């Protein structure tokens, strides 16, 4: 139970729940159902400790006690000190019923003073408790970020320390902490990558790309963020929550669903995707399915590490289709040239396409 009380993520969920956190803790209790009893008790503790600190000015407190000392007879005080009180409120109530109206005013003042002191004490105690927590949490160890790059023409496979497998497509960069924190695992992506997340219900895996944030527990998905204005997330297994600046409400994805975030247009497009097309690059296959000429050029430049210049580009948009596995650039351009009616020349890392 103490672990839940001291867990900053659990406290945030209890005090200010959100869809992403709901998804995360739902996964925790599905895997560890017996933890729900401890979590329920911890929740009550956190809610009861939310009392605001109450500060009684020192001058007002001094005047209050002076008033009590002046009005309360010493012999009555000595007599009360012989009593072992079971509850302060009960003792005060019994005395109030036996005294005159004047004495009732006096004891009412005493009651107010005692309650004020109790509030100050409890507020100080709660403040001290949370201050210690904040001080403890405010001293994180230095975060060391590692950066991995898959240059154009290269694919790079990584296995992170938590067991997560990442395959970077050509022209992709990923940054992540050398040692993940105790409450979450975060990576920062530019380009395209396939993630196979190692299951860890206590630490969600978060992928940051531009303004988007993909949160997952144990799952596999592809994030395409070559263009920061258009980020595409396709879920293969599990369940993820996608957060973006376009819509503050996290979007939940289920297997077979993809979400295209167009920051330029300010739109979200959830759809069912073609699995073969999305993961073809992980199988060394280029799959063009009515792909625009500009996108096809980008894919080929990244795949083979070349620069492609298009000359006499037609005004009408051109779309290309074809499936190529372990093919040379020459053979791919030769195959596409028949349908698109263009000529090409290859000079080492420089390619010209002429319409």
Protein backbone atom coordinates (compact mmCIF):
# COMPACT_ATOMS: atom_id res chain seq x y z
CA UNK A 1 0.00 0.00 0.00
CA UNK A 2 2.90 2.37 0.79
CA UNK A 3 4.18 1.92 -2.76
CA UNK A 4 0.91 3.25 -4.17
CA UNK A 5 0.82 6.21 -1.76
CA UNK A 6 4.37 7.23 -2.70
CA UNK A 7 3.91 6.62 -6.45
CA UNK A 8 3.57 10.05 -8.16
CA UNK A 9 1.72 8.52 -11.13
CA UNK A 10 -0.82 6.83 -8.84
CA UNK A 11 -1.38 10.06 -6.88
CA UNK A 12 -1.89 11.98 -10.13
CA UNK A 13 -4.41 9.38 -11.29
CA UNK A 14 -6.35 9.55 -8.00
CA UNK A 15 -6.40 13.35 -7.81
CA UNK A 16 -6.70 14.15 -11.52
CA UNK A 17 -7.56 11.07 -13.62
CA UNK A 18 -7.29 11.07 -17.40
CA UNK A 19 -7.95 8.60 -20.22
CA UNK A 20 -4.27 7.79 -20.69
CA UNK A 21 -3.83 7.10 -16.97
CA UNK A 22 -7.07 5.09 -16.89
CA UNK A 23 -5.73 2.91 -19.68
CA UNK A 24 -2.44 2.41 -17.86
CA UNK A 25 -3.89 1.48 -14.44
CA UNK A 26 -6.53 -0.72 -16.06
CA UNK A 27 -3.65 -2.75 -17.48
CA UNK A 28 -1.94 -2.91 -14.08
CA UNK A 29 -4.99 -4.28 -12.27
CA UNK A 30 -5.79 -6.69 -15.09
CA UNK A 31 -2.36 -8.24 -14.63
CA UNK A 32 -2.25 -7.93 -10.81
CA UNK A 33 -5.88 -8.07 -9.61
CA UNK A 34 -4.82 -8.58 -5.97
CA UNK A 35 -3.21 -5.11 -6.02
CA UNK A 36 -6.61 -3.44 -6.31
CA UNK A 37 -7.26 -3.92 -2.57
CA UNK A 38 -4.06 -2.09 -1.63
CA UNK A 39 -4.73 0.55 -4.28
CA UNK A 40 -8.22 1.21 -2.86
CA UNK A 41 -6.81 1.76 0.63
CA UNK A 42 -4.02 3.95 -0.74
CA UNK A 43 -6.59 6.05 -2.61
CA UNK A 44 -8.48 6.78 0.62
CA UNK A 45 -5.24 7.88 2.31
CA UNK A 46 -4.35 10.22 -0.56
CA UNK A 47 -7.84 11.77 -0.63
CA UNK A 48 -7.83 12.31 3.13
CA UNK A 49 -4.44 14.01 3.01
CA UNK A 50 -5.63 16.72 0.65
CA UNK A 51 -6.44 19.13 3.52
CA UNK A 52 -5.10 22.59 2.91
CA UNK A 53 -2.59 23.99 5.33
CA UNK A 54 -4.21 26.41 7.79
CA UNK A 55 -2.01 29.12 9.30
CA UNK A 56 -3.30 31.00 12.34
CA UNK A 57 -1.40 34.29 12.63
CA UNK A 58 0.98 34.28 15.59
CA UNK A 59 -0.48 37.53 16.97
CA UNK A 60 -4.06 36.16 16.85
CA UNK A 61 -2.93 32.95 18.53
CA UNK A 62 -1.23 34.94 21.32
CA UNK A 63 -4.34 37.07 21.90
CA UNK A 64 -6.50 33.96 21.97
CA UNK A 65 -4.45 32.30 24.69
CA UNK A 66 -4.24 35.55 26.70
CA UNK A 67 -8.02 35.73 26.61
CA UNK A 68 -8.27 32.14 27.83
CA UNK A 69 -5.76 32.73 30.65
CA UNK A 70 -7.54 35.87 31.84
CA UNK A 71 -11.06 34.40 31.86
CA UNK A 72 -10.44 30.84 33.05
CA UNK A 73 -10.13 30.36 36.87
CA UNK A 74 -6.93 28.59 37.94
CA UNK A 75 -8.72 26.15 40.29
CA UNK A 76 -10.97 24.99 37.43
CA UNK A 77 -7.90 24.40 35.28
CA UNK A 78 -6.24 22.37 38.05
CA UNK A 79 -9.37 20.30 38.50
CA UNK A 80 -9.59 19.47 34.79
CA UNK A 81 -5.96 18.38 34.72
CA UNK A 82 -6.85 15.48 37.05
CA UNK A 83 -9.27 14.11 34.44
CA UNK A 84 -7.99 11.67 31.82
CA UNK A 85 -9.94 12.74 28.76
CA UNK A 86 -11.16 10.05 26.35
CA UNK A 87 -12.11 12.66 23.73
CA UNK A 88 -11.67 16.45 23.99
CA UNK A 89 -15.04 17.17 22.40
CA UNK A 90 -16.86 14.92 24.89
CA UNK A 91 -15.17 16.57 27.91
CA UNK A 92 -15.95 20.05 26.67
CA UNK A 93 -19.58 19.09 25.97
CA UNK A 94 -20.16 17.73 29.49
CA UNK A 95 -18.78 20.90 31.04
CA UNK A 96 -20.79 23.12 28.78
CA UNK A 97 -24.02 21.51 29.95
CA UNK A 98 -23.21 22.27 33.65
CA UNK A 99 -22.01 25.84 33.41
CA UNK A 100 -23.77 29.17 33.19
CA UNK A 101 -24.14 31.14 29.98
CA UNK A 102 -20.92 33.06 30.75
CA UNK A 103 -18.93 29.89 31.29
CA UNK A 104 -20.35 28.48 28.09
CA UNK A 105 -18.83 31.41 26.21
CA UNK A 106 -15.48 30.75 27.87
CA UNK A 107 -15.46 27.04 27.04
CA UNK A 108 -16.61 27.78 23.52
CA UNK A 109 -13.50 29.91 23.17
CA UNK A 110 -11.40 27.03 24.53
CA UNK A 111 -13.00 24.66 22.02
CA UNK A 112 -12.21 27.03 19.17
CA UNK A 113 -8.61 27.33 20.33
CA UNK A 114 -8.16 23.56 20.60
CA UNK A 115 -9.70 22.95 17.20
CA UNK A 116 -7.57 25.70 15.65
CA UNK A 117 -4.44 24.10 17.09
CA UNK A 118 -5.53 20.70 15.76
CA UNK A 119 -6.08 22.16 12.29
CA UNK A 120 -2.65 23.86 12.40
CA UNK A 121 -1.02 20.61 13.55
CA UNK A 122 -2.72 18.43 10.93
CA UNK A 123 -2.04 21.00 8.19
CA UNK A 124 1.63 21.19 9.18
CA UNK A 125 1.84 17.40 9.26
CA UNK A 126 0.32 17.07 5.77
CA UNK A 127 2.47 19.90 4.45
CA UNK A 128 5.61 18.28 5.88
CA UNK A 129 4.64 14.91 4.37
CA UNK A 130 4.13 16.26 0.86
CA UNK A 131 7.14 18.58 1.13
CA UNK A 132 9.34 15.59 1.86
CA UNK A 133 7.83 13.76 -1.10
CA UNK A 134 8.41 16.72 -3.40
CA UNK A 135 11.99 17.12 -2.15
CA UNK A 136 12.61 13.43 -2.71
CA UNK A 137 11.12 13.56 -6.20
CA UNK A 138 12.91 16.80 -7.03
CA UNK A 139 16.31 15.13 -6.91
CA UNK A 140 16.27 12.87 -9.96
CA UNK A 141 19.48 11.38 -11.23
CA UNK A 142 20.90 13.10 -14.32
CA UNK A 143 19.19 11.90 -17.50
CA UNK A 144 21.63 10.72 -20.16
CA UNK A 145 20.08 10.50 -23.63
CA UNK A 146 21.40 8.09 -26.24
CA UNK A 147 20.86 8.78 -29.92
CA UNK A 148 20.72 6.17 -32.68
CA UNK A 149 20.57 6.99 -36.37
CA UNK A 150 19.67 4.87 -39.38
CA UNK A 151 21.27 6.70 -42.28
CA UNK A 152 19.66 6.72 -45.73
CA UNK A 153 20.13 3.29 -47.27
CA UNK A 154 20.44 1.62 -43.85
CA UNK A 155 18.00 -0.15 -41.51
CA UNK A 156 18.93 -0.38 -37.84
CA UNK A 157 17.61 -2.82 -35.24
CA UNK A 158 17.86 -2.02 -31.53
CA UNK A 159 17.06 -3.89 -28.35
CA UNK A 160 16.54 -1.50 -25.44
CA UNK A 161 17.46 -2.36 -21.85
CA UNK A 162 13.86 -3.21 -20.96
CA UNK A 163 13.75 -5.79 -23.78
CA UNK A 164 11.80 -3.63 -26.24
CA UNK A 165 12.79 -4.22 -29.87
CA UNK A 166 12.93 -1.27 -32.26
CA UNK A 167 13.54 -1.39 -36.00
CA UNK A 168 14.47 1.96 -37.55
CA UNK A 169 13.71 2.63 -41.18
CA UNK A 170 16.23 4.51 -43.32
CA UNK A 171 16.69 8.18 -42.44
CA UNK A 172 15.36 7.75 -38.89
CA UNK A 173 16.64 9.04 -35.55
CA UNK A 174 15.58 7.88 -32.10
CA UNK A 175 16.63 9.27 -28.72
CA UNK A 176 16.01 7.65 -25.35
CA UNK A 177 17.29 7.65 -21.78
CA UNK A 178 20.23 5.34 -21.17
CA UNK A 179 18.38 4.09 -18.10
CA UNK A 180 14.60 4.37 -18.12
CA UNK A 181 12.97 5.94 -15.05
CA UNK A 182 11.08 3.89 -12.48
CA UNK A 183 7.63 5.05 -13.62
CA UNK A 184 7.81 5.31 -17.43
CA UNK A 185 9.82 4.54 -20.57
CA UNK A 186 10.15 7.37 -23.09
CA UNK A 187 11.68 7.64 -26.57
CA UNK A 188 11.76 10.52 -29.06
CA UNK A 189 11.36 9.63 -32.73
CA UNK A 190 12.01 11.38 -36.03
CA UNK A 191 11.39 9.20 -39.07
CA UNK A 192 9.74 5.77 -39.05
CA UNK A 193 10.11 2.87 -36.65
CA UNK A 194 8.50 -0.43 -35.74
CA UNK A 195 8.15 -1.03 -31.99
CA UNK A 196 7.68 -4.37 -30.26
CA UNK A 197 7.18 -3.29 -26.65
CA UNK A 198 8.41 -5.44 -23.77
CA UNK A 199 5.54 -5.91 -21.31
CA UNK A 200 5.87 -3.86 -18.12
CA UNK A 201 2.49 -2.90 -16.66
CA UNK A 202 4.07 -0.60 -14.07
CA UNK A 203 5.94 1.50 -16.66
CA UNK A 204 4.08 2.66 -19.78
CA UNK A 205 6.10 3.02 -22.97
CA UNK A 206 5.74 6.49 -24.52
CA UNK A 207 6.82 7.50 -28.04
CA UNK A 208 7.11 11.26 -28.68
CA UNK A 209 6.95 12.43 -32.31
CA UNK A 210 6.42 16.11 -32.99
CA UNK A 211 3.28 17.10 -31.07
CA UNK A 212 2.05 13.53 -30.72
CA UNK A 213 2.49 11.13 -27.84
CA UNK A 214 1.76 7.41 -28.12
CA UNK A 215 1.34 5.54 -24.82
CA UNK A 216 1.42 1.73 -24.74
CA UNK A 217 1.83 -1.06 -22.19
CA UNK A 218 2.77 -4.23 -24.07
CA UNK A 219 2.08 -4.04 -27.79
CA UNK A 220 3.51 -3.60 -31.28
CA UNK A 221 2.94 -0.64 -33.59
CA UNK A 222 4.49 1.51 -36.31
CA UNK A 223 5.00 5.27 -36.08
CA UNK A 224 5.68 7.19 -39.29
CA UNK A 225 6.93 10.68 -38.49
CA UNK A 226 9.13 11.58 -41.46
CA UNK A 227 6.92 14.62 -41.93
CA UNK A 228 6.29 16.28 -38.52
CA UNK A 229 3.17 17.86 -40.03
CA UNK A 230 1.70 14.41 -40.81
CA UNK A 231 2.28 11.68 -38.23
CA UNK A 232 0.78 8.24 -38.74
CA UNK A 233 0.39 5.57 -36.03
CA UNK A 234 -0.66 2.02 -36.97
CA UNK A 235 -1.40 -0.54 -34.23
CA UNK A 236 -0.69 -4.21 -34.86
CA UNK A 237 -1.23 -5.72 -31.40
CA UNK A 238 -2.39 -4.55 -27.97
CA UNK A 239 -3.87 -1.14 -27.21
CA UNK A 240 -2.46 2.39 -27.29
CA UNK A 241 -3.59 5.92 -26.46
CA UNK A 242 -2.51 8.67 -28.87
CA UNK A 243 -2.36 12.24 -27.58
CA UNK A 244 -1.91 15.24 -29.88
CA UNK A 245 -2.21 19.01 -29.80
CA UNK A 246 -5.01 18.78 -32.38
CA UNK A 247 -7.42 17.22 -29.88
CA UNK A 248 -6.81 17.20 -26.09
CA UNK A 249 -8.79 13.96 -25.74
CA UNK A 250 -6.53 10.89 -26.14
CA UNK A 251 -7.52 8.67 -29.05
CA UNK A 252 -7.66 4.93 -28.30
CA UNK A 253 -6.50 2.55 -31.02
CA UNK A 254 -7.20 -1.16 -31.27
CA UNK A 255 -5.43 -3.76 -33.46
CA UNK A 256 -5.87 -3.03 -37.17
CA UNK A 257 -6.58 0.69 -36.61
CA UNK A 258 -4.38 3.59 -37.66
CA UNK A 259 -4.53 7.31 -36.88
CA UNK A 260 -3.21 10.00 -39.22
CA UNK A 261 -2.57 13.34 -37.51
CA UNK A 262 -2.43 16.23 -39.97
CA UNK A 263 -1.13 19.18 -37.96
CA UNK A 264 -1.25 21.49 -40.96
CA UNK A 265 -4.93 20.84 -41.57
CA UNK A 266 -5.70 20.29 -37.87
CA UNK A 267 -7.42 16.99 -38.57
CA UNK A 268 -7.42 13.41 -37.24
CA UNK A 269 -8.23 10.48 -39.48
CA UNK A 270 -8.79 7.08 -37.87
CA UNK A 271 -8.99 4.19 -40.31
CA UNK A 272 -8.38 0.49 -40.93
CA UNK A 273 -4.96 -0.02 -42.53
CA UNK A 274 -3.31 -2.49 -44.90
CA UNK A 275 -0.96 -4.47 -42.66
CA UNK A 276 1.22 -5.70 -45.52
CA UNK A 277 1.77 -2.16 -46.75
CA UNK A 278 2.54 -0.72 -43.31
CA UNK A 279 5.15 -3.31 -42.30
CA UNK A 280 6.51 -4.19 -45.77
CA UNK A 281 9.71 -2.23 -45.12
CA UNK A 282 10.46 -4.44 -42.09
CA UNK A 283 10.58 -7.42 -44.51
CA UNK A 284 12.97 -5.71 -46.96
CA UNK A 285 10.07 -5.03 -49.32
CA UNK A 286 9.08 -1.80 -51.05
CA UNK A 287 5.33 -1.74 -51.57
CA UNK A 288 3.89 1.10 -53.61
CA UNK A 289 0.10 1.15 -53.75
CA UNK A 290 -1.12 4.17 -55.70
CA UNK A 291 1.71 6.09 -54.04
CA UNK A 292 2.30 9.66 -55.20
CA UNK A 293 5.47 10.37 -57.17
CA UNK A 294 6.85 12.66 -54.43
CA UNK A 295 6.31 10.00 -51.75
CA UNK A 296 7.83 7.29 -53.96
CA UNK A 297 10.92 9.47 -54.53
CA UNK A 298 11.28 9.99 -50.77
CA UNK A 299 11.01 6.25 -50.13
CA UNK A 300 13.63 5.39 -52.75
CA UNK A 301 16.01 8.13 -51.57
CA UNK A 302 15.84 6.82 -48.01
CA UNK A 303 15.98 3.17 -49.02
CA UNK A 304 19.06 3.43 -51.26
CA UNK A 305 20.76 6.53 -49.85
CA UNK A 306 20.64 8.51 -53.10
CA UNK A 307 19.47 11.91 -54.31
CA UNK A 308 16.76 11.82 -56.97
CA UNK A 309 16.01 14.80 -59.22
CA UNK A 310 12.80 14.80 -61.27
CA UNK A 311 12.92 16.75 -64.54
CA UNK A 312 9.93 17.88 -66.63
CA UNK A 313 7.53 16.70 -63.94
CA UNK A 314 3.98 16.55 -65.36
CA UNK A 315 1.44 18.96 -63.92
CA UNK A 316 -1.01 16.10 -63.39
CA UNK A 317 -0.34 14.08 -60.23
CA UNK A 318 1.30 10.72 -60.91
CA UNK A 319 0.68 7.64 -58.76
CA UNK A 320 2.91 4.57 -58.77
CA UNK A 321 2.28 0.93 -57.83
CA UNK A 322 4.57 -2.05 -57.51
CA UNK A 323 6.05 -4.56 -55.07
CA UNK A 324 9.82 -5.04 -54.92
CA UNK A 325 11.68 -7.34 -52.55
CA UNK A 326 15.49 -7.20 -52.33
CA UNK A 327 15.65 -5.48 -55.72
CA UNK A 328 18.30 -3.07 -56.98
CA UNK A 329 17.41 0.57 -57.55
CA UNK A 330 18.00 0.10 -61.27
CA UNK A 331 15.48 -2.74 -61.51
CA UNK A 332 12.86 -0.81 -59.54
CA UNK A 333 13.18 2.31 -61.71
CA UNK A 334 13.13 0.17 -64.81
CA UNK A 335 9.89 -1.49 -63.71
CA UNK A 336 8.22 1.81 -62.80
CA UNK A 337 9.35 3.55 -65.98
CA UNK A 338 7.21 1.33 -68.21
CA UNK A 339 3.97 2.38 -66.52
CA UNK A 340 4.88 6.01 -65.73
CA UNK A 341 6.68 6.59 -69.04
CA UNK A 342 9.92 8.19 -67.88
CA UNK A 343 13.63 7.69 -68.51
CA UNK A 344 16.31 7.61 -65.84
CA UNK A 345 20.04 7.75 -65.32
CA UNK A 346 22.02 6.59 -62.28
CA UNK A 347 25.39 8.16 -61.51
CA UNK A 348 26.56 6.70 -58.19
CA UNK A 349 24.49 8.57 -55.54
CA UNK A 350 22.78 10.88 -58.00
CA UNK A 351 19.71 9.84 -59.99
CA UNK A 352 17.79 11.76 -62.64
CA UNK A 353 14.23 10.91 -63.72
CA UNK A 354 13.18 12.52 -66.99
CA UNK A 355 9.57 12.70 -68.19
